[in-house]
Amino acid sequence: MLENPEQDKIFKYLVIGVIILSLIVFFKEIILEPQALSIPEISIGLSEIEIDLEFLRSSEIEQLLPFEKISLPEEIGRQNPFESY
């Protein structure tokens, strides 16, 4: 098959390794049959949860998060930077 006996030995071990890895994957995926994940049941109903957001409209909270107007950047430089002076 190959001229060099050392290359033949490496090829033989690579083939054996690939066969062993394929058998491990086959055993794991086919024989063991992974089970589907299930979503756990939640005992709290959604109708029981109420969030009061009125405190966000208070003046103390509005002072903590001021919204500043963002100005457009000023034009700096020349129209064509590759044009000579």
PDB file of N, CA and C in Angstrom:
ATOM      1  N   MET A   1       0.839  -1.184   0.000  1.00  0.00           N
ATOM      2  CA  MET A   1       0.000   0.000   0.000  1.00  0.00           C
ATOM      3  C   MET A   1       0.882   1.244   0.000  1.00  0.00           C
ATOM      4  N   LEU A   2       1.652   1.477   1.060  1.00  0.00           N
ATOM      5  CA  LEU A   2       2.589   2.584   1.098  1.00  0.00           C
ATOM      6  C   LEU A   2       4.002   2.027   1.050  1.00  0.00           C
ATOM      7  N   GLU A   3       4.942   2.788   0.506  1.00  0.00           N
ATOM      8  CA  GLU A   3       6.287   2.274   0.341  1.00  0.00           C
ATOM      9  C   GLU A   3       7.043   2.170   1.659  1.00  0.00           C
ATOM     10  N   ASN A   4       6.896   3.150   2.501  1.00  0.00           N
ATOM     11  CA  ASN A   4       7.653   3.212   3.744  1.00  0.00           C
ATOM     12  C   ASN A   4       6.917   2.418   4.827  1.00  0.00           C
ATOM     13  N   PRO A   5       7.578   1.470   5.504  1.00  0.00           N
ATOM     14  CA  PRO A   5       6.894   0.700   6.538  1.00  0.00           C
ATOM     15  C   PRO A   5       6.472   1.573   7.724  1.00  0.00           C
ATOM     16  N   GLU A   6       7.211   2.666   7.978  1.00  0.00           N
ATOM     17  CA  GLU A   6       6.828   3.561   9.077  1.00  0.00           C
ATOM     18  C   GLU A   6       5.544   4.306   8.724  1.00  0.00           C
ATOM     19  N   GLN A   7       5.380   4.732   7.476  1.00  0.00           N
ATOM     20  CA  GLN A   7       4.150   5.377   7.041  1.00  0.00           C
ATOM     21  C   GLN A   7       2.992   4.383   7.070  1.00  0.00           C
ATOM     22  N   ASP A   8       3.264   3.138   6.753  1.00  0.00           N
ATOM     23  CA  ASP A   8       2.241   2.104   6.801  1.00  0.00           C
ATOM     24  C   ASP A   8       1.752   1.915   8.231  1.00  0.00           C
ATOM     25  N   LYS A   9       2.665   1.979   9.175  1.00  0.00           N
ATOM     26  CA  LYS A   9       2.324   1.819  10.589  1.00  0.00           C
ATOM     27  C   LYS A   9       1.467   3.004  11.059  1.00  0.00           C
ATOM     28  N   ILE A  10       1.829   4.231  10.668  1.00  0.00           N
ATOM     29  CA  ILE A  10       1.057   5.422  11.038  1.00  0.00           C
ATOM     30  C   ILE A  10      -0.330   5.346  10.421  1.00  0.00           C
ATOM     31  N   PHE A  11      -0.416   4.935   9.156  1.00  0.00           N
ATOM     32  CA  PHE A  11      -1.704   4.820   8.484  1.00  0.00           C
ATOM     33  C   PHE A  11      -2.603   3.802   9.174  1.00  0.00           C
ATOM     34  N   LYS A  12      -2.016   2.680   9.597  1.00  0.00           N
ATOM     35  CA  LYS A  12      -2.777   1.636  10.276  1.00  0.00           C
ATOM     36  C   LYS A  12      -3.343   2.165  11.590  1.00  0.00           C
ATOM     37  N   TYR A  13      -2.543   2.912  12.370  1.00  0.00           N
ATOM     38  CA  TYR A  13      -3.022   3.454  13.643  1.00  0.00           C
ATOM     39  C   TYR A  13      -4.065   4.550  13.440  1.00  0.00           C
ATOM     40  N   LEU A  14      -3.927   5.337  12.389  1.00  0.00           N
ATOM     41  CA  LEU A  14      -4.953   6.343  12.096  1.00  0.00           C
ATOM     42  C   LEU A  14      -6.281   5.700  11.736  1.00  0.00           C
ATOM     43  N   VAL A  15      -6.247   4.636  10.937  1.00  0.00           N
ATOM     44  CA  VAL A  15      -7.468   3.934  10.556  1.00  0.00           C
ATOM     45  C   VAL A  15      -8.123   3.318  11.792  1.00  0.00           C
ATOM     46  N   ILE A  16      -7.323   2.694  12.652  1.00  0.00           N
ATOM     47  CA  ILE A  16      -7.862   2.104  13.892  1.00  0.00           C
ATOM     48  C   ILE A  16      -8.474   3.190  14.770  1.00  0.00           C
ATOM     49  N   GLY A  17      -7.817   4.363  14.862  1.00  0.00           N
ATOM     50  CA  GLY A  17      -8.346   5.469  15.661  1.00  0.00           C
ATOM     51  C   GLY A  17      -9.660   5.992  15.134  1.00  0.00           C
ATOM     52  N   VAL A  18      -9.760   6.132  13.818  1.00  0.00           N
ATOM     53  CA  VAL A  18     -11.004   6.613  13.212  1.00  0.00           C
ATOM     54  C   VAL A  18     -12.124   5.611  13.434  1.00  0.00           C
ATOM     55  N   ILE A  19     -11.831   4.337  13.329  1.00  0.00           N
ATOM     56  CA  ILE A  19     -12.848   3.305  13.551  1.00  0.00           C
ATOM     57  C   ILE A  19     -13.317   3.327  15.003  1.00  0.00           C
ATOM     58  N   ILE A  20     -12.394   3.464  15.951  1.00  0.00           N
ATOM     59  CA  ILE A  20     -12.770   3.499  17.364  1.00  0.00           C
ATOM     60  C   ILE A  20     -13.608   4.737  17.663  1.00  0.00           C
ATOM     61  N   LEU A  21     -13.218   5.905  17.119  1.00  0.00           N
ATOM     62  CA  LEU A  21     -14.003   7.118  17.346  1.00  0.00           C
ATOM     63  C   LEU A  21     -15.393   7.012  16.738  1.00  0.00           C
ATOM     64  N   SER A  22     -15.500   6.416  15.561  1.00  0.00           N
ATOM     65  CA  SER A  22     -16.821   6.269  14.949  1.00  0.00           C
ATOM     66  C   SER A  22     -17.694   5.302  15.743  1.00  0.00           C
ATOM     67  N   LEU A  23     -17.098   4.257  16.312  1.00  0.00           N
ATOM     68  CA  LEU A  23     -17.879   3.345  17.155  1.00  0.00           C
ATOM     69  C   LEU A  23     -18.348   4.021  18.435  1.00  0.00           C
ATOM     70  N   ILE A  24     -17.500   4.882  19.018  1.00  0.00           N
ATOM     71  CA  ILE A  24     -17.901   5.611  20.228  1.00  0.00           C
ATOM     72  C   ILE A  24     -19.051   6.552  19.923  1.00  0.00           C
ATOM     73  N   VAL A  25     -18.962   7.284  18.807  1.00  0.00           N
ATOM     74  CA  VAL A  25     -20.044   8.197  18.433  1.00  0.00           C
ATOM     75  C   VAL A  25     -21.311   7.410  18.124  1.00  0.00           C
ATOM     76  N   PHE A  26     -21.202   6.302  17.426  1.00  0.00           N
ATOM     77  CA  PHE A  26     -22.363   5.464  17.130  1.00  0.00           C
ATOM     78  C   PHE A  26     -23.007   4.975  18.416  1.00  0.00           C
ATOM     79  N   PHE A  27     -22.208   4.492  19.354  1.00  0.00           N
ATOM     80  CA  PHE A  27     -22.740   3.985  20.610  1.00  0.00           C
ATOM     81  C   PHE A  27     -23.426   5.093  21.397  1.00  0.00           C
ATOM     82  N   LYS A  28     -22.821   6.267  21.429  1.00  0.00           N
ATOM     83  CA  LYS A  28     -23.381   7.370  22.203  1.00  0.00           C
ATOM     84  C   LYS A  28     -24.681   7.892  21.600  1.00  0.00           C
ATOM     85  N   GLU A  29     -24.733   8.052  20.287  1.00  0.00           N
ATOM     86  CA  GLU A  29     -25.882   8.681  19.645  1.00  0.00           C
ATOM     87  C   GLU A  29     -27.013   7.705  19.319  1.00  0.00           C
ATOM     88  N   ILE A  30     -26.705   6.483  18.962  1.00  0.00           N
ATOM     89  CA  ILE A  30     -27.732   5.546  18.520  1.00  0.00           C
ATOM     90  C   ILE A  30     -28.157   4.617  19.650  1.00  0.00           C
ATOM     91  N   ILE A  31     -27.205   3.998  20.288  1.00  0.00           N
ATOM     92  CA  ILE A  31     -27.530   2.994  21.301  1.00  0.00           C
ATOM     93  C   ILE A  31     -28.083   3.636  22.568  1.00  0.00           C
ATOM     94  N   LEU A  32     -27.455   4.695  23.066  1.00  0.00           N
ATOM     95  CA  LEU A  32     -27.906   5.314  24.311  1.00  0.00           C
ATOM     96  C   LEU A  32     -29.140   6.174  24.123  1.00  0.00           C
ATOM     97  N   GLU A  33     -29.461   6.598  22.918  1.00  0.00           N
ATOM     98  CA  GLU A  33     -30.625   7.409  22.575  1.00  0.00           C
ATOM     99  C   GLU A  33     -30.822   8.558  23.555  1.00  0.00           C
ATOM    100  N   PRO A  34     -30.236   9.719  23.284  1.00  0.00           N
ATOM    101  CA  PRO A  34     -30.389  10.862  24.198  1.00  0.00           C
ATOM    102  C   PRO A  34     -31.853  11.274  24.304  1.00  0.00           C
ATOM    103  N   GLN A  35     -32.252  11.581  25.537  1.00  0.00           N
ATOM    104  CA  GLN A  35     -33.642  11.964  25.782  1.00  0.00           C
ATOM    105  C   GLN A  35     -33.824  13.447  25.503  1.00  0.00           C
ATOM    106  N   ALA A  36     -35.023  13.799  25.075  1.00  0.00           N
ATOM    107  CA  ALA A  36     -35.337  15.194  24.801  1.00  0.00           C
ATOM    108  C   ALA A  36     -35.448  15.961  26.116  1.00  0.00           C
ATOM    109  N   LEU A  37     -35.050  17.220  26.095  1.00  0.00           N
ATOM    110  CA  LEU A  37     -35.141  18.050  27.286  1.00  0.00           C
ATOM    111  C   LEU A  37     -36.588  18.436  27.529  1.00  0.00           C
ATOM    112  N   SER A  38     -36.964  18.453  28.779  1.00  0.00           N
ATOM    113  CA  SER A  38     -38.329  18.840  29.117  1.00  0.00           C
ATOM    114  C   SER A  38     -38.294  20.136  29.922  1.00  0.00           C
ATOM    115  N   ILE A  39     -39.310  20.943  29.755  1.00  0.00           N
ATOM    116  CA  ILE A  39     -39.411  22.215  30.461  1.00  0.00           C
ATOM    117  C   ILE A  39     -40.076  21.951  31.807  1.00  0.00           C
ATOM    118  N   PRO A  40     -39.470  22.382  32.901  1.00  0.00           N
ATOM    119  CA  PRO A  40     -40.070  22.143  34.214  1.00  0.00           C
ATOM    120  C   PRO A  40     -41.352  22.959  34.394  1.00  0.00           C
ATOM    121  N   GLU A  41     -42.258  22.410  35.148  1.00  0.00           N
ATOM    122  CA  GLU A  41     -43.527  23.078  35.415  1.00  0.00           C
ATOM    123  C   GLU A  41     -43.316  24.215  36.411  1.00  0.00           C
ATOM    124  N   ILE A  42     -43.961  25.354  36.160  1.00  0.00           N
ATOM    125  CA  ILE A  42     -43.886  26.501  37.061  1.00  0.00           C
ATOM    126  C   ILE A  42     -45.213  26.592  37.787  1.00  0.00           C
ATOM    127  N   SER A  43     -45.155  26.625  39.118  1.00  0.00           N
ATOM    128  CA  SER A  43     -46.384  26.609  39.899  1.00  0.00           C
ATOM    129  C   SER A  43     -47.020  27.987  40.017  1.00  0.00           C
ATOM    130  N   ILE A  44     -46.284  29.068  39.717  1.00  0.00           N
ATOM    131  CA  ILE A  44     -46.836  30.409  39.841  1.00  0.00           C
ATOM    132  C   ILE A  44     -47.548  30.770  38.551  1.00  0.00           C
ATOM    133  N   GLY A  45     -48.785  31.234  38.667  1.00  0.00           N
ATOM    134  CA  GLY A  45     -49.535  31.657  37.496  1.00  0.00           C
ATOM    135  C   GLY A  45     -49.139  33.063  37.088  1.00  0.00           C
ATOM    136  N   LEU A  46     -49.277  33.381  35.823  1.00  0.00           N
ATOM    137  CA  LEU A  46     -48.901  34.700  35.345  1.00  0.00           C
ATOM    138  C   LEU A  46     -49.863  35.779  35.816  1.00  0.00           C
ATOM    139  N   SER A  47     -51.079  35.430  36.142  1.00  0.00           N
ATOM    140  CA  SER A  47     -52.048  36.429  36.575  1.00  0.00           C
ATOM    141  C   SER A  47     -51.744  36.923  37.994  1.00  0.00           C
ATOM    142  N   GLU A  48     -50.923  36.237  38.743  1.00  0.00           N
ATOM    143  CA  GLU A  48     -50.613  36.637  40.108  1.00  0.00           C
ATOM    144  C   GLU A  48     -49.551  37.728  40.178  1.00  0.00           C
ATOM    145  N   ILE A  49     -48.801  37.927  39.134  1.00  0.00           N
ATOM    146  CA  ILE A  49     -47.701  38.881  39.154  1.00  0.00           C
ATOM    147  C   ILE A  49     -48.195  40.240  38.684  1.00  0.00           C
ATOM    148  N   GLU A  50     -47.971  41.265  39.524  1.00  0.00           N
ATOM    149  CA  GLU A  50     -48.313  42.635  39.166  1.00  0.00           C
ATOM    150  C   GLU A  50     -47.111  43.519  39.455  1.00  0.00           C
ATOM    151  N   ILE A  51     -46.758  44.340  38.499  1.00  0.00           N
ATOM    152  CA  ILE A  51     -45.625  45.241  38.651  1.00  0.00           C
ATOM    153  C   ILE A  51     -46.140  46.666  38.622  1.00  0.00           C
ATOM    154  N   ASP A  52     -45.822  47.418  39.667  1.00  0.00           N
ATOM    155  CA  ASP A  52     -46.261  48.799  39.760  1.00  0.00           C
ATOM    156  C   ASP A  52     -45.131  49.695  39.261  1.00  0.00           C
ATOM    157  N   LEU A  53     -45.339  50.347  38.139  1.00  0.00           N
ATOM    158  CA  LEU A  53     -44.319  51.193  37.538  1.00  0.00           C
ATOM    159  C   LEU A  53     -44.554  52.676  37.797  1.00  0.00           C
ATOM    160  N   GLU A  54     -45.464  53.015  38.669  1.00  0.00           N
ATOM    161  CA  GLU A  54     -45.760  54.420  38.970  1.00  0.00           C
ATOM    162  C   GLU A  54     -44.595  55.109  39.664  1.00  0.00           C
ATOM    163  N   PHE A  55     -43.781  54.363  40.403  1.00  0.00           N
ATOM    164  CA  PHE A  55     -42.661  54.990  41.109  1.00  0.00           C
ATOM    165  C   PHE A  55     -41.612  55.529  40.141  1.00  0.00           C
ATOM    166  N   LEU A  56     -41.594  55.047  38.887  1.00  0.00           N
ATOM    167  CA  LEU A  56     -40.652  55.549  37.898  1.00  0.00           C
ATOM    168  C   LEU A  56     -40.984  56.964  37.442  1.00  0.00           C
ATOM    169  N   ARG A  57     -42.215  57.399  37.654  1.00  0.00           N
ATOM    170  CA  ARG A  57     -42.634  58.731  37.236  1.00  0.00           C
ATOM    171  C   ARG A  57     -42.391  59.774  38.315  1.00  0.00           C
ATOM    172  N   SER A  58     -41.882  59.385  39.468  1.00  0.00           N
ATOM    173  CA  SER A  58     -41.629  60.351  40.539  1.00  0.00           C
ATOM    174  C   SER A  58     -40.458  61.250  40.165  1.00  0.00           C
ATOM    175  N   SER A  59     -40.409  62.435  40.789  1.00  0.00           N
ATOM    176  CA  SER A  59     -39.373  63.415  40.438  1.00  0.00           C
ATOM    177  C   SER A  59     -37.985  62.950  40.870  1.00  0.00           C
ATOM    178  N   GLU A  60     -37.880  62.185  41.943  1.00  0.00           N
ATOM    179  CA  GLU A  60     -36.571  61.707  42.394  1.00  0.00           C
ATOM    180  C   GLU A  60     -35.945  60.767  41.366  1.00  0.00           C
ATOM    181  N   ILE A  61     -36.741  59.902  40.795  1.00  0.00           N
ATOM    182  CA  ILE A  61     -36.234  58.956  39.802  1.00  0.00           C
ATOM    183  C   ILE A  61     -35.892  59.674  38.506  1.00  0.00           C
ATOM    184  N   GLU A  62     -36.686  60.659  38.111  1.00  0.00           N
ATOM    185  CA  GLU A  62     -36.404  61.398  36.887  1.00  0.00           C
ATOM    186  C   GLU A  62     -35.111  62.193  36.988  1.00  0.00           C
ATOM    187  N   GLN A  63     -34.751  62.639  38.198  1.00  0.00           N
ATOM    188  CA  GLN A  63     -33.496  63.359  38.386  1.00  0.00           C
ATOM    189  C   GLN A  63     -32.300  62.426  38.287  1.00  0.00           C
ATOM    190  N   LEU A  64     -32.477  61.155  38.583  1.00  0.00           N
ATOM    191  CA  LEU A  64     -31.372  60.215  38.509  1.00  0.00           C
ATOM    192  C   LEU A  64     -30.961  59.917  37.067  1.00  0.00           C
ATOM    193  N   LEU A  65     -31.917  59.922  36.167  1.00  0.00           N
ATOM    194  CA  LEU A  65     -31.638  59.574  34.781  1.00  0.00           C
ATOM    195  C   LEU A  65     -31.966  60.739  33.856  1.00  0.00           C
ATOM    196  N   PRO A  66     -31.106  61.767  33.801  1.00  0.00           N
ATOM    197  CA  PRO A  66     -31.418  62.885  32.898  1.00  0.00           C
ATOM    198  C   PRO A  66     -31.137  62.502  31.451  1.00  0.00           C
ATOM    199  N   PHE A  67     -32.029  62.901  30.599  1.00  0.00           N
ATOM    200  CA  PHE A  67     -31.834  62.664  29.173  1.00  0.00           C
ATOM    201  C   PHE A  67     -31.259  63.928  28.562  1.00  0.00           C
ATOM    202  N   GLU A  68     -30.063  63.828  28.035  1.00  0.00           N
ATOM    203  CA  GLU A  68     -29.425  64.968  27.409  1.00  0.00           C
ATOM    204  C   GLU A  68     -29.623  64.873  25.901  1.00  0.00           C
ATOM    205  N   LYS A  69     -29.790  66.028  25.293  1.00  0.00           N
ATOM    206  CA  LYS A  69     -29.917  66.044  23.842  1.00  0.00           C
ATOM    207  C   LYS A  69     -28.542  65.815  23.241  1.00  0.00           C
ATOM    208  N   ILE A  70     -28.487  64.952  22.271  1.00  0.00           N
ATOM    209  CA  ILE A  70     -27.236  64.655  21.601  1.00  0.00           C
ATOM    210  C   ILE A  70     -27.148  65.543  20.364  1.00  0.00           C
ATOM    211  N   SER A  71     -26.068  66.334  20.315  1.00  0.00           N
ATOM    212  CA  SER A  71     -25.909  67.228  19.176  1.00  0.00           C
ATOM    213  C   SER A  71     -25.166  66.510  18.054  1.00  0.00           C
ATOM    214  N   LEU A  72     -25.412  66.979  16.845  1.00  0.00           N
ATOM    215  CA  LEU A  72     -24.725  66.410  15.699  1.00  0.00           C
ATOM    216  C   LEU A  72     -23.267  66.858  15.719  1.00  0.00           C
ATOM    217  N   PRO A  73     -22.357  66.047  15.253  1.00  0.00           N
ATOM    218  CA  PRO A  73     -20.947  66.453  15.258  1.00  0.00           C
ATOM    219  C   PRO A  73     -20.701  67.606  14.300  1.00  0.00           C
ATOM    220  N   GLU A  74     -19.761  68.470  14.697  1.00  0.00           N
ATOM    221  CA  GLU A  74     -19.409  69.603  13.851  1.00  0.00           C
ATOM    222  C   GLU A  74     -18.554  69.114  12.687  1.00  0.00           C
ATOM    223  N   GLU A  75     -18.644  69.837  11.596  1.00  0.00           N
ATOM    224  CA  GLU A  75     -17.834  69.463  10.443  1.00  0.00           C
ATOM    225  C   GLU A  75     -16.409  69.941  10.678  1.00  0.00           C
ATOM    226  N   ILE A  76     -15.487  69.027  10.658  1.00  0.00           N
ATOM    227  CA  ILE A  76     -14.081  69.341  10.876  1.00  0.00           C
ATOM    228  C   ILE A  76     -13.316  68.872   9.657  1.00  0.00           C
ATOM    229  N   GLY A  77     -12.389  69.683   9.212  1.00  0.00           N
ATOM    230  CA  GLY A  77     -11.562  69.280   8.087  1.00  0.00           C
ATOM    231  C   GLY A  77     -12.053  69.839   6.770  1.00  0.00           C
ATOM    232  N   ARG A  78     -11.441  69.386   5.718  1.00  0.00           N
ATOM    233  CA  ARG A  78     -11.761  69.872   4.381  1.00  0.00           C
ATOM    234  C   ARG A  78     -12.786  68.960   3.718  1.00  0.00           C
ATOM    235  N   GLN A  79     -13.392  69.482   2.675  1.00  0.00           N
ATOM    236  CA  GLN A  79     -14.351  68.675   1.929  1.00  0.00           C
ATOM    237  C   GLN A  79     -13.674  67.491   1.279  1.00  0.00           C
ATOM    238  N   ASN A  80     -12.533  67.753   0.633  1.00  0.00           N
ATOM    239  CA  ASN A  80     -11.784  66.691  -0.029  1.00  0.00           C
ATOM    240  C   ASN A  80     -10.406  66.626   0.621  1.00  0.00           C
ATOM    241  N   PRO A  81     -10.153  65.652   1.493  1.00  0.00           N
ATOM    242  CA  PRO A  81      -8.871  65.600   2.196  1.00  0.00           C
ATOM    243  C   PRO A  81      -7.692  65.266   1.282  1.00  0.00           C
ATOM    244  N   PHE A  82      -7.949  64.780   0.095  1.00  0.00           N
ATOM    245  CA  PHE A  82      -6.868  64.409  -0.824  1.00  0.00           C
ATOM    246  C   PHE A  82      -6.469  65.569  -1.738  1.00  0.00           C
ATOM    247  N   GLU A  83      -7.201  66.667  -1.678  1.00  0.00           N
ATOM    248  CA  GLU A  83      -6.902  67.827  -2.495  1.00  0.00           C
ATOM    249  C   GLU A  83      -5.735  68.587  -1.874  1.00  0.00           C
ATOM    250  N   SER A  84      -4.829  69.093  -2.707  1.00  0.00           N
ATOM    251  CA  SER A  84      -3.670  69.823  -2.172  1.00  0.00           C
ATOM    252  C   SER A  84      -4.094  71.198  -1.677  1.00  0.00           C
ATOM    253  N   TYR A  85      -3.284  71.798  -0.771  1.00  0.00           N
ATOM    254  CA  TYR A  85      -3.574  73.117  -0.241  1.00  0.00           C
ATOM    255  C   TYR A  85      -3.508  74.092  -1.347  1.00  0.00           C
TER     256      TYR A  85
END
